[in-house]
Amino acid sequence: MLVRRRLSRAATAGLLGGALLLTACSAGSDGVRNPTSADHGAPDHRAPDRGAPDRAAPPSAEAPDRQRLSTFALDVDTASYGYARRALAEGRLPDPADVRPEEFVNSFRPDYPRPKDNGFSVTLDGARSDAAGWSLVRVGLATRPSDGERPPAALTFVVDVSGSMAEPGRLDLVKESLGLLADRLRDDDSVALVTFSSDAETVLPMTRVGGNRERLHDVVDALATSSSTNVEAGVRTGYDVAVEGHREGATNRVVLLSDALANTGDTDAEGILERIAEARRAYGITLFGVGVGSEYGDAFMEKLADKGDGSTTYVSTPGQARKVFVDQLPGHVELRARDAKAQVAFDPRTVESFRLIGYENREVADEDFRDDRVDGGEIGAGHTVTALYAVKLRPGGSGRVATATVRWLDPATRAPHERSGTVDTAALTAPLWGDGHDSLQLTAIAAYFADRLRGGSVPGAPALSGLAARAGALAERARSASVRELAEAIRRADGLGASDRGPADGPGASADHDPYAG
């Protein structure tokens, strides 16, 4: 079982002392080298030791195999960014503990090359930051989009109908979301529905969609709020129903829709984590958490999804609900990889120190990278995963900077596979804010913003006012509604440092063909 360690904010800061149709740094122009994504198979050897915990690379005189490592489970969660935007729109700063930079970054979808098979493409690029000696290195992973062919799905929806869900934008949004999904599922898919308040109730056992769509709509339309929030009862009953209705050869998933404000039963998640882990291990049942509400138990929901080898997202508008349940859920149903992990090896001959921005609670011990008993992340069709590093290069260093390797298990056979990519110092010479780096700029803006919200300070990060201006200019160039929303969120955060700003003025960009929408 994976042990994920969350570092303290101070410790993280102390390490340093201090999507896309547009072109990013490409292999032809800046020295980025991307292997042909040839499958490396499953090497038998163990990963080398990480070394000292300060993440300073060994002196260049050390043997070249003394590389410094960074290892983490892949993550496609986006809830932290969605909830932060909601908080800022309501005139309040998000709790720093709820800000996870990787979820800000992964809310946008770079146009990385896609593999032809069911594995990953691995893309590395980077640029010089505004801090002397510091650069950014981006690791981008992508899976092949859906071609319409997927195994059937067996989905158990666990719906919170407690009193807190009566607030507009909670149960009403859940019902609208489920109604949209009911019309999108295939006839050979199966659906069950469990509700919970003070107790849990199975209102629809596992049922084939074909011939039962009207019944499904009727069940959803009848949902109404009740009393207190016993998430424990809901999740336990939901997993019992999912196990009972388990289908061989199908994608079996529990979808939890809740504000995650548990106030009855086990309210700290620990009592239900083992039930979730047991169902994942024995039946391959994973969890997708959808958060709603102006007050939202983000940490609680994330803990459940992590244990369930799944992911979380957050919705607050009908447009976001459509995006999740119509556009994105098929990708969660059609799996490309289980237990996916990444390991980045920095070459000590060129790298003095480095910092991964985010992923603290997805950290994996370096020696566990090739231990397939250790949990990783579940990645679906058409997903992208991005990790951004702040890297301090050695003066005068030249050559390889980093090698990134992704390892995953085939969802059907559980056979392990690996692919790698590299980046050299030549790729890091161009300035970040120069022409032709819009994709990388967006990744940097999202990461810098999140790090500021949680009290960090990445070398080279502009002040929030400057960051908002960068995001606004990028939104105009790309005509991107999603980047316009990011720019507005940054402006709101900047304003909340001194005074509360009102709603934004002016028209938004069109969401049609938005190159950056996640």
Protein backbone atom coordinates (compact mmCIF):
# COMPACT_ATOMS: atom_id res chain seq x y z
CA MET A 1 0.00 0.00 0.00
CA LEU A 2 1.33 3.38 -0.97
CA VAL A 3 2.50 5.67 1.79
CA ARG A 4 2.21 9.28 0.65
CA ARG A 5 4.02 11.88 2.72
CA ARG A 6 2.78 15.47 2.88
CA LEU A 7 5.60 17.91 3.59
CA SER A 8 5.04 20.98 5.71
CA ARG A 9 4.86 24.32 3.90
CA ALA A 10 7.97 25.50 5.73
CA ALA A 11 9.89 22.39 4.86
CA THR A 12 8.91 22.66 1.23
CA ALA A 13 9.95 26.29 1.05
CA GLY A 14 13.16 25.46 2.81
CA LEU A 15 14.20 23.15 0.02
CA LEU A 16 14.93 26.24 -2.03
CA GLY A 17 15.61 28.86 0.58
CA GLY A 18 13.34 31.01 -0.47
CA ALA A 19 -3.37 23.20 -22.91
CA LEU A 20 -2.58 23.52 -26.04
CA LEU A 21 -2.54 24.00 -29.69
CA LEU A 22 0.05 26.67 -29.37
CA THR A 23 3.71 25.85 -29.74
CA ALA A 24 5.88 25.20 -26.70
CA CYS A 25 9.61 24.47 -26.69
CA SER A 26 9.90 21.78 -29.33
CA ALA A 27 12.57 19.20 -29.97
CA GLY A 28 13.46 20.83 -33.25
CA SER A 29 14.06 24.26 -31.80
CA ASP A 30 15.42 23.95 -28.31
CA GLY A 31 17.21 20.66 -27.86
CA VAL A 32 14.46 18.74 -26.12
CA ARG A 33 14.94 15.09 -26.87
CA ASN A 34 11.96 12.78 -26.76
CA PRO A 35 12.58 9.13 -27.47
CA THR A 36 10.14 7.39 -29.73
CA SER A 37 8.31 6.26 -26.61
CA ALA A 38 9.62 2.75 -27.17
CA ASP A 39 8.46 0.43 -24.45
CA HIS A 40 11.29 -0.41 -22.08
CA GLY A 41 9.43 -3.40 -20.67
CA ALA A 42 9.81 -3.98 -16.94
CA PRO A 43 13.42 -3.81 -15.76
CA ASP A 44 14.28 -5.91 -12.79
CA HIS A 45 16.61 -3.49 -11.08
CA ARG A 46 15.75 -1.20 -8.21
CA ALA A 47 15.89 2.57 -8.46
CA PRO A 48 19.01 4.21 -7.06
CA ASP A 49 18.86 5.98 -3.72
CA ARG A 50 17.54 9.51 -3.59
CA GLY A 51 20.38 10.77 -1.41
CA ALA A 52 20.19 13.63 1.12
CA PRO A 53 16.72 15.05 1.77
CA ASP A 54 17.66 18.62 0.83
CA ARG A 55 17.46 17.67 -2.87
CA ALA A 56 20.78 19.29 -3.64
CA ALA A 57 22.46 17.27 -6.35
CA PRO A 58 25.87 15.73 -5.52
CA PRO A 59 28.97 17.62 -6.66
CA SER A 60 29.86 17.18 -10.31
CA ALA A 61 32.94 15.17 -9.35
CA GLU A 62 30.67 12.35 -8.16
CA ALA A 63 30.07 9.34 -10.39
CA PRO A 64 27.42 10.05 -13.03
CA ASP A 65 25.15 7.28 -11.74
CA ARG A 66 24.70 9.24 -8.49
CA GLN A 67 21.63 10.94 -9.91
CA ARG A 68 19.07 12.69 -7.75
CA LEU A 69 15.55 11.31 -8.01
CA SER A 70 12.02 12.62 -7.68
CA THR A 71 9.26 9.97 -7.61
CA PHE A 72 5.51 10.42 -7.42
CA ALA A 73 2.21 8.75 -8.28
CA LEU A 74 0.42 10.26 -11.26
CA ASP A 75 -2.55 12.46 -10.45
CA VAL A 76 -5.35 13.90 -12.60
CA ASP A 77 -7.29 15.55 -9.76
CA THR A 78 -8.53 19.09 -10.43
CA ALA A 79 -10.78 19.75 -7.41
CA SER A 80 -8.34 22.07 -5.64
CA TYR A 81 -8.34 24.56 -8.52
CA GLY A 82 -12.11 24.46 -8.97
CA TYR A 83 -12.78 25.05 -5.31
CA ALA A 84 -10.18 27.83 -5.09
CA ARG A 85 -11.87 29.65 -7.97
CA ARG A 86 -15.22 29.30 -6.20
CA ALA A 87 -13.79 30.71 -2.97
CA LEU A 88 -12.15 33.64 -4.73
CA ALA A 89 -15.35 34.45 -6.64
CA GLU A 90 -17.12 34.65 -3.28
CA GLY A 91 -14.54 37.10 -1.96
CA ARG A 92 -12.41 34.84 0.22
CA LEU A 93 -9.00 33.26 -0.08
CA PRO A 94 -8.86 29.46 -0.07
CA ASP A 95 -7.34 27.70 2.90
CA PRO A 96 -3.64 27.17 2.07
CA ALA A 97 -4.02 23.53 3.16
CA ASP A 98 -6.54 23.01 0.35
CA VAL A 99 -4.26 24.39 -2.38
CA ARG A 100 -2.45 21.70 -4.37
CA PRO A 101 -0.40 23.14 -7.26
CA GLU A 102 -0.51 19.95 -9.35
CA GLU A 103 -4.31 20.23 -9.48
CA PHE A 104 -4.08 23.83 -10.71
CA VAL A 105 -1.60 22.76 -13.40
CA ASN A 106 -3.57 19.68 -14.45
CA SER A 107 -6.77 21.71 -14.85
CA PHE A 108 -5.36 22.74 -18.25
CA ARG A 109 -4.66 20.32 -21.05
CA PRO A 110 -1.42 20.85 -23.01
CA ASP A 111 -1.30 19.54 -26.56
CA TYR A 112 1.40 16.95 -25.89
CA PRO A 113 2.09 14.37 -28.60
CA ARG A 114 -0.17 11.34 -28.17
CA PRO A 115 1.04 7.74 -28.35
CA LYS A 116 -0.33 5.43 -31.02
CA ASP A 117 -0.85 2.62 -28.52
CA ASN A 118 -2.39 2.43 -25.05
CA GLY A 119 0.70 3.61 -23.19
CA PHE A 120 2.08 7.10 -22.56
CA SER A 121 3.97 9.69 -24.53
CA VAL A 122 6.72 11.42 -22.52
CA THR A 123 7.57 15.05 -23.35
CA LEU A 124 10.12 17.23 -21.56
CA ASP A 125 10.69 20.93 -22.19
CA GLY A 126 11.67 24.01 -20.25
CA ALA A 127 12.92 27.58 -20.21
CA ARG A 128 15.00 30.05 -18.25
CA SER A 129 13.12 31.75 -15.40
CA ASP A 130 13.57 35.34 -14.18
CA ALA A 131 15.66 34.22 -11.18
CA ALA A 132 19.38 34.07 -11.88
CA GLY A 133 20.55 30.49 -12.33
CA TRP A 134 17.04 29.03 -12.14
CA SER A 135 15.07 27.33 -14.91
CA LEU A 136 11.78 25.50 -15.21
CA VAL A 137 11.61 21.91 -16.44
CA ARG A 138 8.24 20.51 -17.44
CA VAL A 139 7.44 16.81 -17.64
CA GLY A 140 4.37 16.08 -19.75
CA LEU A 141 2.67 12.69 -20.02
CA ALA A 142 -0.28 11.90 -22.27
CA THR A 143 -2.46 8.94 -23.21
CA ARG A 144 -4.26 8.19 -26.46
CA PRO A 145 -7.77 9.66 -26.68
CA SER A 146 -10.80 7.43 -26.81
CA ASP A 147 -11.69 6.01 -30.20
CA GLY A 148 -15.22 5.24 -29.07
CA GLU A 149 -14.39 1.64 -28.26
CA ARG A 150 -14.37 0.94 -24.54
CA PRO A 151 -15.42 -1.86 -22.22
CA PRO A 152 -18.84 -1.53 -20.58
CA ALA A 153 -19.03 0.44 -17.34
CA ALA A 154 -20.56 -0.57 -14.01
CA LEU A 155 -21.04 2.71 -12.14
CA THR A 156 -22.34 3.01 -8.58
CA PHE A 157 -23.37 6.59 -7.82
CA VAL A 158 -23.30 7.50 -4.13
CA VAL A 159 -25.27 10.71 -3.71
CA ASP A 160 -25.28 12.95 -0.64
CA VAL A 161 -28.87 14.01 0.17
CA SER A 162 -28.14 15.48 3.60
CA GLY A 163 -29.54 18.83 4.69
CA SER A 164 -26.41 20.73 3.65
CA MET A 165 -27.04 19.66 0.05
CA ALA A 166 -30.20 21.80 -0.12
CA GLU A 167 -28.12 24.91 -0.86
CA PRO A 168 -28.40 25.99 -4.52
CA GLY A 169 -25.55 24.52 -6.52
CA ARG A 170 -25.45 21.26 -4.57
CA LEU A 171 -28.16 18.60 -4.98
CA ASP A 172 -29.83 20.47 -7.82
CA LEU A 173 -26.52 20.44 -9.70
CA VAL A 174 -25.97 16.75 -8.89
CA LYS A 175 -29.41 15.89 -10.29
CA GLU A 176 -28.74 17.85 -13.45
CA SER A 177 -25.37 16.13 -13.83
CA LEU A 178 -26.82 12.64 -13.43
CA GLY A 179 -29.58 13.47 -15.88
CA LEU A 180 -27.00 14.46 -18.48
CA LEU A 181 -25.04 11.28 -17.88
CA ALA A 182 -28.12 9.04 -18.12
CA ASP A 183 -28.52 10.10 -21.74
CA ARG A 184 -24.85 9.53 -22.55
CA LEU A 185 -24.34 6.03 -21.17
CA ARG A 186 -24.47 3.04 -23.50
CA ASP A 187 -27.15 0.35 -23.37
CA ASP A 188 -24.58 -2.21 -22.14
CA ASP A 189 -23.47 -0.01 -19.23
CA SER A 190 -24.86 -0.64 -15.74
CA VAL A 191 -25.79 1.88 -13.07
CA ALA A 192 -26.65 1.69 -9.37
CA LEU A 193 -27.62 4.58 -7.11
CA VAL A 194 -27.17 4.88 -3.34
CA THR A 195 -28.26 7.91 -1.33
CA PHE A 196 -27.14 8.88 2.16
CA SER A 197 -27.96 11.38 4.86
CA SER A 198 -28.06 10.06 8.43
CA ASP A 199 -28.36 6.56 6.92
CA ALA A 200 -27.74 5.06 3.49
CA GLU A 201 -30.34 3.64 1.11
CA THR A 202 -29.99 1.74 -2.16
CA VAL A 203 -32.58 3.39 -4.40
CA LEU A 204 -31.47 1.59 -7.57
CA PRO A 205 -29.59 -1.72 -7.56
CA MET A 206 -27.12 -2.42 -10.35
CA THR A 207 -29.25 -2.13 -13.50
CA ARG A 208 -28.45 -2.28 -17.21
CA VAL A 209 -29.06 1.08 -18.85
CA GLY A 210 -30.63 -0.40 -21.99
CA GLY A 211 -34.42 -0.35 -21.58
CA ASN A 212 -34.18 1.46 -18.23
CA ARG A 213 -33.27 5.06 -19.05
CA GLU A 214 -36.66 6.42 -18.05
CA ARG A 215 -36.46 4.54 -14.76
CA LEU A 216 -33.02 6.02 -14.16
CA HIS A 217 -34.33 9.53 -14.87
CA ASP A 218 -37.27 8.96 -12.50
CA VAL A 219 -34.94 7.85 -9.69
CA VAL A 220 -32.71 10.90 -10.19
CA ASP A 221 -35.66 13.31 -10.37
CA ALA A 222 -37.00 11.97 -7.06
CA LEU A 223 -33.82 12.77 -5.10
CA ALA A 224 -34.53 15.13 -2.18
CA THR A 225 -32.57 16.33 0.83
CA SER A 226 -32.99 14.95 4.33
CA SER A 227 -30.97 15.38 7.55
CA SER A 228 -27.31 14.92 8.61
CA THR A 229 -24.29 13.76 6.59
CA ASN A 230 -23.09 10.20 7.22
CA VAL A 231 -20.51 9.80 4.46
CA GLU A 232 -19.29 6.60 6.09
CA ALA A 233 -22.70 4.92 5.67
CA GLY A 234 -22.97 6.12 2.08
CA VAL A 235 -19.56 4.96 0.97
CA ARG A 236 -19.78 1.61 2.77
CA THR A 237 -23.18 0.87 1.25
CA GLY A 238 -22.04 2.13 -2.14
CA TYR A 239 -19.08 -0.22 -2.16
CA ASP A 240 -21.25 -3.11 -1.00
CA VAL A 241 -23.58 -2.46 -3.95
CA ALA A 242 -20.62 -2.10 -6.33
CA VAL A 243 -19.14 -5.43 -5.17
CA GLU A 244 -22.49 -7.19 -5.45
CA GLY A 245 -22.99 -5.79 -8.96
CA HIS A 246 -19.37 -6.28 -10.03
CA ARG A 247 -19.02 -7.12 -13.74
CA GLU A 248 -16.04 -9.02 -15.09
CA GLY A 249 -14.50 -7.26 -18.08
CA ALA A 250 -16.17 -3.95 -17.23
CA THR A 251 -14.81 -0.77 -15.67
CA ASN A 252 -16.20 -0.88 -12.14
CA ARG A 253 -16.30 2.47 -10.40
CA VAL A 254 -17.93 4.22 -7.46
CA VAL A 255 -18.79 7.89 -8.13
CA LEU A 256 -19.25 9.90 -4.92
CA LEU A 257 -21.17 13.19 -5.28
CA SER A 258 -21.08 15.23 -2.09
CA ASP A 259 -20.01 18.39 -0.31
CA ALA A 260 -18.02 15.97 1.92
CA LEU A 261 -19.03 17.78 5.09
CA ALA A 262 -19.35 14.69 7.26
CA ASN A 263 -21.01 15.26 10.62
CA THR A 264 -22.39 11.82 11.49
CA GLY A 265 -20.72 8.41 11.69
CA ASP A 266 -16.97 8.27 11.07
CA THR A 267 -16.14 11.87 10.17
CA ASP A 268 -12.38 11.61 9.66
CA ALA A 269 -12.38 9.08 6.78
CA GLU A 270 -10.15 6.58 8.58
CA GLY A 271 -12.99 4.16 9.31
CA ILE A 272 -13.88 3.69 5.63
CA LEU A 273 -10.48 3.80 4.00
CA GLU A 274 -9.82 0.08 4.47
CA ARG A 275 -13.19 -0.80 2.91
CA ILE A 276 -12.27 1.28 -0.13
CA ALA A 277 -8.79 -0.25 -0.35
CA GLU A 278 -10.19 -3.76 0.01
CA ALA A 279 -12.63 -3.29 -2.89
CA ARG A 280 -9.89 -1.82 -5.06
CA ARG A 281 -7.50 -4.69 -4.39
CA ALA A 282 -10.02 -7.52 -4.72
CA TYR A 283 -12.31 -6.22 -7.47
CA GLY A 284 -10.50 -3.31 -9.15
CA ILE A 285 -13.29 -0.93 -8.06
CA THR A 286 -12.00 2.64 -8.05
CA LEU A 287 -13.44 5.93 -6.79
CA PHE A 288 -14.23 9.16 -8.62
CA GLY A 289 -15.13 12.01 -6.25
CA VAL A 290 -17.19 14.98 -7.44
CA GLY A 291 -17.32 17.86 -4.97
CA VAL A 292 -20.04 20.53 -4.81
CA GLY A 293 -20.98 23.44 -2.56
CA SER A 294 -19.54 26.73 -1.34
CA GLU A 295 -18.36 24.91 1.78
CA TYR A 296 -16.62 21.72 0.69
CA GLY A 297 -14.62 19.06 2.55
CA ASP A 298 -11.79 19.02 0.05
CA ALA A 299 -9.22 17.19 2.18
CA PHE A 300 -11.77 14.54 3.19
CA MET A 301 -12.78 13.85 -0.43
CA GLU A 302 -9.18 13.72 -1.61
CA LYS A 303 -8.26 11.21 1.09
CA LEU A 304 -11.08 8.90 -0.02
CA ALA A 305 -10.15 9.18 -3.70
CA ASP A 306 -6.46 8.57 -3.02
CA LYS A 307 -7.26 5.37 -1.15
CA GLY A 308 -9.62 4.34 -3.95
CA ASP A 309 -6.94 4.79 -6.63
CA GLY A 310 -9.15 7.43 -8.21
CA SER A 311 -9.42 11.17 -8.65
CA THR A 312 -11.49 14.18 -7.62
CA THR A 313 -12.99 17.16 -9.35
CA TYR A 314 -15.20 20.05 -8.26
CA VAL A 315 -18.22 21.56 -10.02
CA SER A 316 -20.18 24.70 -9.19
CA THR A 317 -22.01 25.53 -12.43
CA PRO A 318 -24.08 23.61 -15.01
CA GLY A 319 -21.32 24.21 -17.57
CA GLN A 320 -18.75 22.57 -15.33
CA ALA A 321 -21.13 19.69 -14.65
CA ARG A 322 -21.57 19.11 -18.39
CA LYS A 323 -17.81 19.18 -18.84
CA VAL A 324 -17.29 16.54 -16.14
CA PHE A 325 -20.17 14.18 -16.87
CA VAL A 326 -20.42 14.51 -20.65
CA ASP A 327 -16.88 15.32 -21.76
CA GLN A 328 -14.60 13.86 -19.08
CA LEU A 329 -16.29 10.87 -17.46
CA PRO A 330 -15.87 8.67 -20.58
CA GLY A 331 -12.11 9.13 -20.19
CA HIS A 332 -12.36 7.96 -16.59
CA VAL A 333 -14.32 4.90 -17.70
CA GLU A 334 -11.88 3.90 -20.44
CA LEU A 335 -8.64 3.15 -18.62
CA ARG A 336 -5.17 3.32 -20.15
CA ALA A 337 -3.06 2.63 -17.06
CA ARG A 338 -3.24 1.44 -13.47
CA ASP A 339 -0.77 2.22 -10.68
CA ALA A 340 1.08 4.74 -12.84
CA LYS A 341 4.14 6.42 -11.32
CA ALA A 342 6.77 8.81 -12.61
CA GLN A 343 10.42 9.09 -11.66
CA VAL A 344 12.62 11.99 -12.75
CA ALA A 345 16.39 11.57 -12.47
CA PHE A 346 18.38 14.83 -12.42
CA ASP A 347 21.97 14.67 -13.59
CA PRO A 348 24.31 16.01 -10.86
CA ARG A 349 26.82 17.17 -13.48
CA THR A 350 24.40 19.88 -14.62
CA VAL A 351 21.89 20.28 -11.76
CA GLU A 352 22.73 21.85 -8.41
CA SER A 353 19.24 21.55 -6.87
CA PHE A 354 15.61 21.14 -7.85
CA ARG A 355 12.08 21.34 -6.50
CA LEU A 356 8.90 19.67 -7.69
CA ILE A 357 6.07 22.21 -7.41
CA GLY A 358 3.26 20.29 -5.75
CA TYR A 359 2.61 16.52 -5.54
CA GLU A 360 3.60 16.44 -1.86
CA ASN A 361 0.82 14.01 -1.00
CA ARG A 362 1.54 11.86 -4.06
CA GLU A 363 5.18 11.30 -3.15
CA VAL A 364 6.47 7.73 -3.53
CA ALA A 365 9.71 6.40 -2.06
CA ASP A 366 12.31 6.25 -4.83
CA GLU A 367 13.04 2.60 -4.15
CA ASP A 368 9.32 1.79 -4.65
CA PHE A 369 9.16 3.06 -8.22
CA ARG A 370 9.40 -0.46 -9.66
CA ASP A 371 7.60 -2.17 -6.81
CA ASP A 372 4.24 -2.91 -8.42
CA ARG A 373 2.69 -3.67 -5.06
CA VAL A 374 2.91 0.05 -4.30
CA ASP A 375 -0.13 2.02 -5.37
CA GLY A 376 0.14 4.60 -8.14
CA GLY A 377 -2.45 6.57 -10.11
CA GLU A 378 -5.19 5.48 -12.48
CA ILE A 379 -5.12 7.24 -15.85
CA GLY A 380 -7.86 7.21 -18.47
CA ALA A 381 -8.09 7.80 -22.21
CA GLY A 382 -7.06 11.23 -23.44
CA HIS A 383 -5.63 12.34 -20.10
CA THR A 384 -2.57 14.50 -19.64
CA VAL A 385 -0.41 14.76 -16.52
CA THR A 386 2.05 17.60 -16.00
CA ALA A 387 4.77 18.08 -13.40
CA LEU A 388 6.77 21.29 -13.16
CA TYR A 389 10.19 21.59 -11.54
CA ALA A 390 12.21 24.63 -10.53
CA VAL A 391 15.81 23.65 -11.31
CA LYS A 392 19.04 25.44 -10.41
CA LEU A 393 21.70 24.61 -12.96
CA ARG A 394 25.41 24.45 -12.24
CA PRO A 395 27.29 27.41 -13.78
CA GLY A 396 28.82 26.35 -17.07
CA GLY A 397 27.14 22.94 -17.01
CA SER A 398 26.22 21.41 -20.34
CA GLY A 399 24.43 18.26 -21.42
CA ARG A 400 21.70 16.12 -19.94
CA VAL A 401 19.55 17.76 -17.27
CA ALA A 402 16.92 15.16 -16.53
CA THR A 403 15.44 11.84 -17.60
CA ALA A 404 11.77 11.20 -16.84
CA THR A 405 10.39 7.67 -16.78
CA VAL A 406 6.75 6.67 -16.40
CA ARG A 407 5.84 3.15 -15.24
CA TRP A 408 2.36 1.68 -15.32
CA LEU A 409 0.42 -1.57 -15.33
CA ASP A 410 -1.76 -2.64 -18.23
CA PRO A 411 -5.39 -2.38 -16.97
CA ALA A 412 -6.30 -5.81 -18.38
CA THR A 413 -3.18 -7.91 -17.88
CA ARG A 414 -1.38 -5.91 -15.15
CA ALA A 415 1.82 -6.33 -17.15
CA PRO A 416 4.30 -3.52 -16.29
CA HIS A 417 5.60 -1.08 -18.92
CA GLU A 418 7.95 1.92 -18.92
CA ARG A 419 8.75 4.80 -21.25
CA SER A 420 11.19 7.69 -20.90
CA GLY A 421 12.12 11.10 -22.24
CA THR A 422 15.01 13.50 -21.64
CA VAL A 423 15.84 17.19 -21.65
CA ASP A 424 19.24 18.88 -22.07
CA THR A 425 20.62 22.27 -21.05
CA ALA A 426 20.13 23.57 -24.60
CA ALA A 427 16.36 23.39 -24.03
CA LEU A 428 16.57 25.76 -21.05
CA THR A 429 18.32 28.75 -22.60
CA ALA A 430 15.30 30.65 -23.97
CA PRO A 431 13.46 32.99 -21.56
CA LEU A 432 10.16 31.70 -20.17
CA TRP A 433 8.20 34.80 -21.18
CA GLY A 434 9.61 34.92 -24.71
CA ASP A 435 7.69 34.20 -27.88
CA GLY A 436 6.67 30.66 -28.71
CA HIS A 437 6.35 29.37 -25.13
CA ASP A 438 2.62 29.89 -24.51
CA SER A 439 2.02 26.29 -23.42
CA LEU A 440 4.86 26.35 -20.91
CA GLN A 441 3.88 29.83 -19.75
CA LEU A 442 0.39 28.61 -18.86
CA THR A 443 1.81 25.73 -16.83
CA ALA A 444 4.13 28.16 -15.03
CA ILE A 445 1.34 30.68 -14.35
CA ALA A 446 -0.90 28.01 -12.81
CA ALA A 447 1.92 26.62 -10.66
CA TYR A 448 3.19 30.05 -9.56
CA PHE A 449 -0.36 31.10 -8.65
CA ALA A 450 -1.03 28.02 -6.53
CA ASP A 451 2.29 28.29 -4.77
CA ARG A 452 1.59 31.93 -3.88
CA LEU A 453 -1.85 31.01 -2.50
CA ARG A 454 -0.32 28.53 -0.10
CA GLY A 455 2.44 30.88 1.01
CA GLY A 456 5.34 29.55 -1.04
CA SER A 457 7.85 31.38 -3.19
CA VAL A 458 9.21 29.70 -6.31
CA PRO A 459 12.36 31.44 -7.64
CA GLY A 460 11.45 33.66 -10.57
CA ALA A 461 7.72 33.83 -9.80
CA PRO A 462 6.23 37.27 -10.57
CA ALA A 463 4.04 39.14 -8.10
CA LEU A 464 0.35 38.29 -8.44
CA SER A 465 -0.35 41.53 -10.32
CA GLY A 466 2.29 40.63 -12.89
CA LEU A 467 1.07 37.05 -13.05
CA ALA A 468 -2.48 38.24 -13.74
CA ALA A 469 -1.21 40.43 -16.57
CA ARG A 470 0.69 37.48 -18.09
CA ALA A 471 -2.40 35.28 -17.88
CA GLY A 472 -4.62 38.00 -19.37
CA ALA A 473 -2.31 38.49 -22.33
CA LEU A 474 -2.14 34.74 -22.91
CA ALA A 475 -5.94 34.50 -22.77
CA GLU A 476 -6.24 37.17 -25.45
CA ARG A 477 -3.67 35.52 -27.74
CA ALA A 478 -5.34 32.13 -27.45
CA ARG A 479 -8.94 33.38 -27.19
CA SER A 480 -9.22 30.99 -24.27
CA ALA A 481 -12.11 31.20 -21.81
CA SER A 482 -10.34 28.88 -19.38
CA VAL A 483 -7.22 31.07 -19.25
CA ARG A 484 -9.40 34.17 -18.92
CA GLU A 485 -10.95 32.55 -15.84
CA LEU A 486 -7.47 31.86 -14.47
CA ALA A 487 -6.44 35.48 -15.00
CA GLU A 488 -9.57 36.68 -13.18
CA ALA A 489 -8.91 34.31 -10.27
CA ILE A 490 -5.38 35.69 -9.92
CA ARG A 491 -6.67 39.27 -9.99
CA ARG A 492 -9.19 38.43 -7.29
CA ALA A 493 -6.51 36.83 -5.12
CA ASP A 494 -4.31 39.88 -5.56
CA GLY A 495 -7.17 42.16 -4.59
CA LEU A 496 -8.03 40.13 -1.52
CA GLY A 497 -4.58 40.91 -0.18
CA ALA A 498 -5.84 44.44 0.52
CA SER A 499 -9.50 44.78 -0.39
CA ASP A 500 -12.34 42.71 -1.80
CA ARG A 501 -12.95 43.15 -5.50
CA GLY A 502 -16.39 42.78 -7.01
CA PRO A 503 -17.43 40.59 -9.93
CA ALA A 504 -15.44 40.90 -13.10
CA ASP A 505 -16.68 43.20 -15.86
CA GLY A 506 -16.62 42.66 -19.57
CA PRO A 507 -17.39 39.77 -21.91
CA GLY A 508 -15.72 36.41 -21.63
CA ALA A 509 -13.93 34.57 -24.39
CA SER A 510 -15.78 31.90 -26.28
CA ALA A 511 -15.47 28.40 -24.84
CA ASP A 512 -15.72 26.89 -28.32
CA HIS A 513 -12.44 25.29 -29.43
CA ASP A 514 -10.68 26.54 -26.30
CA PRO A 515 -7.13 25.22 -26.73
CA TYR A 516 -6.46 25.26 -23.00
CA ALA A 517 -9.64 23.71 -21.59
CA GLY A 518 -8.92 20.66 -19.43
